Amino acid sequence: MRLLALDTSTEACSAAVLAEGAVLERYELAPRRHAALILPMIEAVLAEAGLDARRLDAVAFGRGPGAFTGVRVAAGIAQGIAFAADLPVIPVSTLAALALGASRETGHARIAAALDARMGEIYWGTYAVSAARAELLGEERVSAPEQVAAPAGAWFGTGSGWGVYSAILARRLTVDGWTGERWPRAGDIARLAADPSRRTEWVGAEQALPVYLRNEVVSKPLATSSPAAARIK
C-alpha cells in the first residue's frame, strides 16, 4: 500500500509517505507557518519515496479536532491532491494519531490524548493501542478539563492539553505519567490509515470533511481546487 498523509491541525506541521510498510516523514514544529510549509514537505517526501501522486493508493489527512484554520488547510490540500490524481481520501482522527505515537514511543497501551482547545477547554479521547491500531474507548469530545471522564484503570496522558491542565486531569483519572510535549504526526496518520480494517472509511474527495467537535463552528465549503495542490504529481 502507498499512502500520502498530512497534518496541520496543531502547532506542528508534517507530511509522510507510507510505502510497502515503511514510513518517510517531514515534521516541523512551526506555528502559523503551515500554509507555507506543507506543500514543500509533501513534494519532498514524495520525491524521497520515488513516487508521484498518481502512483498512490490514497491520501490521508488529520481531520481534527484541532485548530480551525489548520484542520481546514489539511482537508483542502488532501482534497485538491485527491481530485487531481483521482484518489480516495482517508480522514484520520488527530487524537488517535497522537495516541498511537505516544504508545509507540513509551510502550503504554492505554493513552489519554488531550489537545488544548483554548477558551478553557480541551479536545479529549481515550484509546487502547495495539500495534498500528488505536481503538477509541467512548467518544471524542471537547469539554472543560474539570469535566473529563475516562474508563477505570491507569492511563498515560499525552498532548498539549496535559501541558496546560495536567494538575486538573491527574485528579480526574489515574495516570502512570504524562507528556505535554507531543503533537499529532503525519507518519502516525499514515500508519492508522493503512489498517485494512479502515477500508470502509475511505471516501471520495468531496466527502473528506474536517471534524471540529465544537458545535458553534459552522462548516463552510472548502477550497478543493487548490492550484498548488493540484500541481503535485
Protein backbone atom coordinates (compact mmCIF):
# COMPACT_ATOMS: atom_id res chain seq x y z
CA MET A 1 0.00 0.00 0.00
CA ARG A 2 1.17 3.52 -0.84
CA LEU A 3 -0.30 6.42 1.12
CA LEU A 4 0.40 10.12 1.40
CA ALA A 5 -0.53 11.63 4.78
CA LEU A 6 -0.51 15.19 6.05
CA ASP A 7 -1.38 17.06 9.21
CA THR A 8 -1.61 20.76 10.04
CA SER A 9 -4.12 20.57 12.90
CA THR A 10 -1.87 21.87 15.69
CA GLU A 11 1.35 23.85 16.12
CA ALA A 12 3.16 21.02 14.29
CA CYS A 13 3.18 20.57 10.52
CA SER A 14 4.03 17.26 8.86
CA ALA A 15 3.77 15.14 5.73
CA ALA A 16 4.56 11.47 5.30
CA VAL A 17 4.54 8.69 2.75
CA LEU A 18 3.90 5.08 3.71
CA ALA A 19 5.08 2.66 1.03
CA GLU A 20 5.32 -1.09 1.45
CA GLY A 21 5.23 -0.74 5.23
CA ALA A 22 7.98 1.91 5.55
CA VAL A 23 7.25 5.50 6.59
CA LEU A 24 9.13 8.56 5.36
CA GLU A 25 8.24 11.82 7.09
CA ARG A 26 8.87 15.55 7.22
CA TYR A 27 7.95 17.22 10.51
CA GLU A 28 8.41 20.69 11.95
CA LEU A 29 7.02 22.50 14.98
CA ALA A 30 6.14 25.75 13.25
CA PRO A 31 3.09 27.68 14.49
CA ARG A 32 1.42 29.86 11.86
CA ARG A 33 3.68 28.59 9.04
CA HIS A 34 1.65 25.59 7.92
CA ALA A 35 0.41 27.09 4.67
CA ALA A 36 3.98 27.87 3.59
CA LEU A 37 5.49 24.56 4.70
CA ILE A 38 3.04 21.80 3.91
CA LEU A 39 3.24 21.69 0.09
CA PRO A 40 7.07 21.70 0.00
CA MET A 41 7.00 18.95 2.65
CA ILE A 42 4.65 16.87 0.52
CA GLU A 43 6.77 17.35 -2.58
CA ALA A 44 9.95 16.45 -0.66
CA VAL A 45 8.59 13.27 0.90
CA LEU A 46 7.11 12.06 -2.40
CA ALA A 47 10.44 12.69 -4.11
CA GLU A 48 12.30 10.81 -1.39
CA ALA A 49 9.94 7.86 -1.83
CA GLY A 50 10.34 7.99 -5.60
CA LEU A 51 6.60 8.39 -6.08
CA ASP A 52 4.15 10.80 -7.60
CA ALA A 53 0.54 11.28 -6.61
CA ARG A 54 -0.77 9.14 -9.46
CA ARG A 55 1.04 6.10 -8.04
CA LEU A 56 -0.57 6.41 -4.61
CA ASP A 57 -3.49 4.34 -3.37
CA ALA A 58 -4.99 7.10 -1.22
CA VAL A 59 -4.40 10.39 0.61
CA ALA A 60 -4.87 10.56 4.40
CA PHE A 61 -5.14 13.70 6.49
CA GLY A 62 -5.57 14.74 10.11
CA ARG A 63 -9.29 15.56 10.09
CA GLY A 64 -9.32 17.11 13.56
CA PRO A 65 -10.03 18.02 16.19
CA GLY A 66 -7.55 20.86 16.25
CA ALA A 67 -7.08 24.46 15.22
CA PHE A 68 -9.93 25.59 12.95
CA THR A 69 -7.69 27.02 10.21
CA GLY A 70 -5.13 24.22 10.41
CA VAL A 71 -7.71 21.45 10.07
CA ARG A 72 -9.21 23.20 7.04
CA VAL A 73 -5.80 23.59 5.43
CA ALA A 74 -5.14 19.84 5.67
CA ALA A 75 -8.61 18.92 4.41
CA GLY A 76 -8.42 21.32 1.47
CA ILE A 77 -4.97 20.16 0.35
CA ALA A 78 -5.90 16.49 0.70
CA GLN A 79 -9.00 17.13 -1.40
CA GLY A 80 -7.04 19.02 -4.04
CA ILE A 81 -4.47 16.24 -4.46
CA ALA A 82 -7.16 13.56 -4.44
CA PHE A 83 -9.26 15.32 -7.08
CA ALA A 84 -6.23 15.88 -9.33
CA ALA A 85 -4.99 12.28 -9.07
CA ASP A 86 -8.41 10.60 -8.79
CA LEU A 87 -7.67 9.11 -5.37
CA PRO A 88 -9.78 8.26 -2.34
CA VAL A 89 -9.22 10.13 0.92
CA ILE A 90 -8.89 8.74 4.45
CA PRO A 91 -9.82 11.19 7.24
CA VAL A 92 -7.98 10.20 10.44
CA SER A 93 -8.53 11.49 13.96
CA THR A 94 -5.70 13.70 15.21
CA LEU A 95 -6.32 12.41 18.75
CA ALA A 96 -5.94 8.81 17.56
CA ALA A 97 -2.70 9.71 15.79
CA LEU A 98 -1.46 11.40 18.96
CA ALA A 99 -2.30 8.27 20.96
CA LEU A 100 -0.59 5.93 18.50
CA GLY A 101 2.62 7.96 18.53
CA ALA A 102 2.70 8.18 22.32
CA SER A 103 2.16 4.44 22.66
CA ARG A 104 4.90 3.62 20.17
CA GLU A 105 7.40 5.87 21.98
CA THR A 106 6.54 4.98 25.58
CA GLY A 107 5.21 1.42 25.41
CA HIS A 108 1.98 2.36 27.17
CA ALA A 109 -1.14 0.77 25.70
CA ARG A 110 -3.82 2.94 27.37
CA ILE A 111 -3.50 6.52 26.21
CA ALA A 112 -5.47 9.59 27.29
CA ALA A 113 -4.94 12.11 24.49
CA ALA A 114 -5.72 15.79 25.10
CA LEU A 115 -5.14 18.84 22.91
CA ASP A 116 -5.53 22.38 24.22
CA ALA A 117 -8.71 23.74 22.60
CA ARG A 118 -8.30 27.24 24.09
CA MET A 119 -11.15 29.03 25.88
CA GLY A 120 -10.58 26.84 28.95
CA GLU A 121 -11.35 23.59 27.10
CA ILE A 122 -9.57 20.55 25.73
CA TYR A 123 -10.17 18.08 22.91
CA TRP A 124 -10.18 14.71 24.58
CA GLY A 125 -10.21 10.98 23.80
CA THR A 126 -9.05 7.73 25.43
CA TYR A 127 -7.58 4.89 23.38
CA ALA A 128 -6.46 1.30 23.67
CA VAL A 129 -3.45 1.00 21.36
CA SER A 130 -2.19 -2.25 19.88
CA ALA A 131 0.34 -2.44 17.04
CA ALA A 132 -0.84 0.15 14.47
CA ARG A 133 -4.38 0.43 15.81
CA ALA A 134 -5.84 2.93 18.26
CA GLU A 135 -9.29 1.91 19.46
CA LEU A 136 -11.39 4.77 20.78
CA LEU A 137 -12.92 3.98 24.17
CA GLY A 138 -16.01 6.10 24.50
CA GLU A 139 -16.14 9.18 22.27
CA GLU A 140 -14.02 12.16 21.30
CA ARG A 141 -15.28 15.35 22.83
CA VAL A 142 -14.47 18.93 23.73
CA SER A 143 -15.02 19.99 27.33
CA ALA A 144 -13.56 21.79 30.28
CA PRO A 145 -10.77 19.69 31.86
CA GLU A 146 -12.83 19.50 35.06
CA GLN A 147 -15.48 17.53 33.13
CA VAL A 148 -13.17 14.87 31.71
CA ALA A 149 -14.07 11.25 32.41
CA ALA A 150 -12.32 8.02 31.43
CA PRO A 151 -12.85 4.27 31.89
CA ALA A 152 -11.38 2.82 35.09
CA GLY A 153 -7.72 1.90 35.15
CA ALA A 154 -4.38 3.62 34.69
CA TRP A 155 -3.65 5.89 31.72
CA PHE A 156 -0.68 7.61 30.13
CA GLY A 157 -1.52 11.20 29.21
CA THR A 158 -0.22 12.90 26.09
CA GLY A 159 -0.72 16.14 24.19
CA SER A 160 -0.78 19.87 24.76
CA GLY A 161 -3.88 19.62 26.94
CA TRP A 162 -1.76 17.83 29.52
CA GLY A 163 0.85 20.55 29.31
CA VAL A 164 -1.74 23.16 30.29
CA TYR A 165 -4.11 21.23 32.57
CA SER A 166 -2.09 18.33 33.99
CA ALA A 167 -2.98 19.10 37.62
CA ILE A 168 -6.69 19.01 36.89
CA LEU A 169 -6.55 15.99 34.59
CA ALA A 170 -4.47 13.98 37.05
CA ARG A 171 -7.25 14.43 39.59
CA ARG A 172 -9.84 13.19 37.12
CA LEU A 173 -8.21 9.86 36.27
CA THR A 174 -5.40 7.55 37.34
CA VAL A 175 -2.18 8.25 35.41
CA ASP A 176 1.09 6.36 35.02
CA GLY A 177 2.69 9.51 33.64
CA TRP A 178 2.15 12.16 31.01
CA THR A 179 3.88 14.38 28.47
CA GLY A 180 2.62 17.71 27.16
CA GLU A 181 5.34 17.99 24.51
CA ARG A 182 3.77 15.83 21.84
CA TRP A 183 1.75 16.62 18.72
CA PRO A 184 -0.02 14.56 16.05
CA ARG A 185 2.30 13.45 13.24
CA ALA A 186 1.57 12.55 9.63
CA GLY A 187 3.55 9.33 9.98
CA ASP A 188 1.09 8.08 12.58
CA ILE A 189 -1.85 9.22 10.46
CA ALA A 190 -0.42 7.09 7.63
CA ARG A 191 0.02 4.07 9.93
CA LEU A 192 -3.58 4.31 11.11
CA ALA A 193 -4.89 4.86 7.58
CA ALA A 194 -3.09 1.75 6.31
CA ASP A 195 -5.01 -0.55 8.66
CA PRO A 196 -7.02 -2.88 6.34
CA SER A 197 -9.99 -2.70 8.71
CA ARG A 198 -10.36 1.02 7.88
CA ARG A 199 -11.14 0.49 4.18
CA THR A 200 -14.78 1.25 4.88
CA GLU A 201 -13.66 4.75 5.97
CA TRP A 202 -12.12 5.63 2.60
CA VAL A 203 -14.23 8.35 0.97
CA GLY A 204 -14.36 10.41 -2.17
CA ALA A 205 -12.54 13.73 -2.11
CA GLU A 206 -15.77 15.71 -1.79
CA GLN A 207 -16.62 13.79 1.40
CA ALA A 208 -13.29 14.43 3.13
CA LEU A 209 -14.51 16.90 5.75
CA PRO A 210 -12.93 18.33 8.91
CA VAL A 211 -14.12 17.41 12.39
CA TYR A 212 -14.18 20.35 14.78
CA LEU A 213 -16.18 18.94 17.77
CA ARG A 214 -17.26 22.46 18.77
CA ASN A 215 -20.93 22.93 17.87
CA GLU A 216 -20.55 26.65 17.28
CA VAL A 217 -18.07 26.11 14.43
CA VAL A 218 -20.06 26.35 11.20
CA SER A 219 -18.69 24.27 8.35
CA LYS A 220 -18.20 26.19 5.12
CA PRO A 221 -17.33 24.80 1.69
CA LEU A 222 -13.64 24.02 1.36
CA ALA A 223 -11.47 25.26 -1.47
CA THR A 224 -10.97 21.84 -3.03
CA SER A 225 -9.47 23.05 -6.28
CA SER A 226 -6.21 24.44 -4.91
CA PRO A 227 -3.97 25.03 -7.95
CA ALA A 228 -0.87 24.41 -5.86
CA ALA A 229 -2.14 21.09 -4.54
CA ALA A 230 -3.26 20.03 -7.99
CA ARG A 231 0.28 20.58 -9.33
CA ILE A 232 1.70 17.84 -7.09
CA LYS A 233 2.46 14.95 -9.43
